[in-house]
C-alpha atoms as a PDB file:
ATOM      1  CA  MET A   1       6.267  11.769  13.730  1.00  0.00           C
ATOM      2  CA  ASP A   2       4.205   9.887  16.306  1.00  0.00           C
ATOM      3  CA  LYS A   3       6.178   6.813  17.365  1.00  0.00           C
ATOM      4  CA  ASP A   4       2.990   5.077  18.625  1.00  0.00           C
ATOM      5  CA  ARG A   5       1.297   5.323  15.254  1.00  0.00           C
ATOM      6  CA  GLY A   6       0.397   1.913  13.855  1.00  0.00           C
ATOM      7  CA  LYS A   7       0.312   0.217  17.247  1.00  0.00           C
ATOM      8  CA  ASP A   8      -3.484   0.191  17.534  1.00  0.00           C
ATOM      9  CA  ALA A   9      -4.144  -2.539  20.124  1.00  0.00           C
ATOM     10  CA  GLY A  10      -0.979  -4.363  19.035  1.00  0.00           C
ATOM     11  CA  LYS A  11      -2.371  -4.850  15.543  1.00  0.00           C
ATOM     12  CA  ASP A  12       0.018  -4.487  12.588  1.00  0.00           C
ATOM     13  CA  THR A  13      -1.485  -1.951  10.207  1.00  0.00           C
ATOM     14  CA  GLY A  14       1.268  -2.157   7.564  1.00  0.00           C
ATOM     15  CA  LEU A  15       0.863  -3.623   4.114  1.00  0.00           C
ATOM     16  CA  THR A  16       1.835  -7.224   3.511  1.00  0.00           C
ATOM     17  CA  PRO A  17       2.771  -8.930   0.226  1.00  0.00           C
ATOM     18  CA  ASP A  18      -0.737 -10.448   0.167  1.00  0.00           C
ATOM     19  CA  ASP A  19      -2.222  -6.928  -0.083  1.00  0.00           C
ATOM     20  CA  PHE A  20      -0.742  -6.342  -3.537  1.00  0.00           C
ATOM     21  CA  PRO A  21      -1.440  -5.215  -6.104  1.00  0.00           C
ATOM     22  CA  ILE A  22      -2.839  -1.969  -4.728  1.00  0.00           C
ATOM     23  CA  GLU A  23      -5.625  -0.484  -6.833  1.00  0.00           C
ATOM     24  CA  ALA A  24      -6.744   3.121  -7.196  1.00  0.00           C
ATOM     25  CA  ASP A  25     -10.502   3.599  -6.824  1.00  0.00           C
ATOM     26  CA  LYS A  26     -11.165   7.263  -7.575  1.00  0.00           C
ATOM     27  CA  ASP A  27      -9.280   9.039  -4.759  1.00  0.00           C
ATOM     28  CA  LYS A  28      -8.949   5.905  -2.585  1.00  0.00           C
ATOM     29  CA  LEU A  29      -6.322   3.175  -2.516  1.00  0.00           C
ATOM     30  CA  ARG A  30      -7.491  -0.369  -1.907  1.00  0.00           C
ATOM     31  CA  THR A  31      -5.940  -3.810  -1.761  1.00  0.00           C
ATOM     32  CA  HIS A  32      -6.830  -6.225  -4.548  1.00  0.00           C
ATOM     33  CA  LYS A  33      -9.368  -7.632  -2.073  1.00  0.00           C
ATOM     34  CA  GLY A  34     -11.092  -4.239  -1.814  1.00  0.00           C
ATOM     35  CA  GLU A  35      -9.859  -3.347   1.671  1.00  0.00           C
ATOM     36  CA  PRO A  36      -9.186   0.397   2.091  1.00  0.00           C
ATOM     37  CA  VAL A  37      -5.546   1.415   2.456  1.00  0.00           C
ATOM     38  CA  ALA A  38      -5.399   5.198   2.084  1.00  0.00           C
ATOM     39  CA  SER A  39      -6.992   8.305   0.619  1.00  0.00           C
ATOM     40  CA  ALA A  40      -5.409  10.785  -1.777  1.00  0.00           C
ATOM     41  CA  GLU A  41      -6.196  14.379  -2.698  1.00  0.00           C
ATOM     42  CA  SER A  42      -7.197  13.432  -6.245  1.00  0.00           C
ATOM     43  CA  GLU A  43      -7.673  10.499  -8.603  1.00  0.00           C
ATOM     44  CA  GLN A  44      -4.405  11.341 -10.340  1.00  0.00           C
ATOM     45  CA  ILE A  45      -2.456  11.229  -7.081  1.00  0.00           C
ATOM     46  CA  ALA A  46      -4.165   7.957  -6.082  1.00  0.00           C
ATOM     47  CA  ASP A  47      -3.152   6.442  -9.426  1.00  0.00           C
ATOM     48  CA  GLN A  48       0.467   7.576  -8.955  1.00  0.00           C
ATOM     49  CA  MET A  49       0.592   6.286  -5.378  1.00  0.00           C
ATOM     50  CA  ALA A  50      -0.793   2.884  -6.385  1.00  0.00           C
ATOM     51  CA  GLU A  51       1.698   2.635  -9.242  1.00  0.00           C
ATOM     52  CA  ARG A  52       4.645   3.514  -7.003  1.00  0.00           C
ATOM     53  CA  LEU A  53       3.574   1.151  -4.218  1.00  0.00           C
ATOM     54  CA  ASN A  54       3.150  -1.686  -6.701  1.00  0.00           C
ATOM     55  CA  GLU A  55       6.513  -0.962  -8.334  1.00  0.00           C
ATOM     56  CA  HIS A  56       8.189  -0.892  -4.925  1.00  0.00           C
ATOM     57  CA  ALA A  57       6.570  -4.178  -3.875  1.00  0.00           C
ATOM     58  CA  HIS A  58       7.601  -5.759  -7.177  1.00  0.00           C
ATOM     59  CA  GLN A  59      11.197  -4.587  -6.708  1.00  0.00           C
ATOM     60  CA  GLU A  60      11.270  -5.971  -3.153  1.00  0.00           C
ATOM     61  CA  GLU A  61      10.018  -9.314  -4.457  1.00  0.00           C
ATOM     62  CA  GLN A  62      12.728  -9.324  -7.145  1.00  0.00           C
ATOM     63  CA  ASP A  63      15.352  -8.491  -4.517  1.00  0.00           C
ATOM     64  CA  ARG A  64      14.217 -11.416  -2.352  1.00  0.00           C
ATOM     65  CA  TRP A  65      14.554 -13.829  -5.249  1.00  0.00           C
ATOM     66  CA  SER A  66      17.974 -12.546  -6.280  1.00  0.00           C
ATOM     67  CA  ALA A  67      19.469 -12.632  -2.767  1.00  0.00           C
END
C-alpha cells in the first residue's frame, strides 16, 4: 500500500461525519451533498458499499455516545 496516498498537498481526503449518509448513485458513491466519494464495479456493489459505510459510521457514533 502506498503510504503517501491521501496526502495530496496536505489535504485530508478521508470521510468525515458530515459526509454521511453516503448515497449510491448507479455505480458511484456520493456524500449526501452530492460530492463524489468512490466508484464501484456495479450498482449492486455501490449499494452494498454505501450501506456498510453508513452502518459503520452509525456504529461509531453510537460508540462515541456510550463511551
